[in-house]
Amino acid sequence: MLAWSGSDRASRLPRDWPRRRARILRRDPVCGVCQRAPSTEVDHITPGDDHSDANLQGICTPCHASKSGREGGRAAAARRASAYRPTEPHPGLIER
């Protein structure tokens, strides 16, 4: 299964994404995370749909994969936790 299969991420990018991407890669020729490798991808610093230049950074492929994996893991853990969290307090803990 492909990493992006089932994702709507590409459809949420602005129409001018190719231009923005090129501009950020020119601005940040070196990875914003490891500061060693050339930037080959553009990353949202804060996850979400803020596509402003201030929230975008050039990043190398290994750092981007690592960062995205950590963010995805945290999101999945939050979804799992909320799925099992009781919606009301346990009857033995209700004060009367």
Foldseek 3Di string as FASTA:
>chain_A
DDPCVPPCVVVLADPCVVVLFVVQLVVAQAAPPPRPHGFDGKDQQDDDRPSDSVRIHGHHPVVRVVVVVVVVVVVVVVVVVVVPDDPDDDPVPDDD
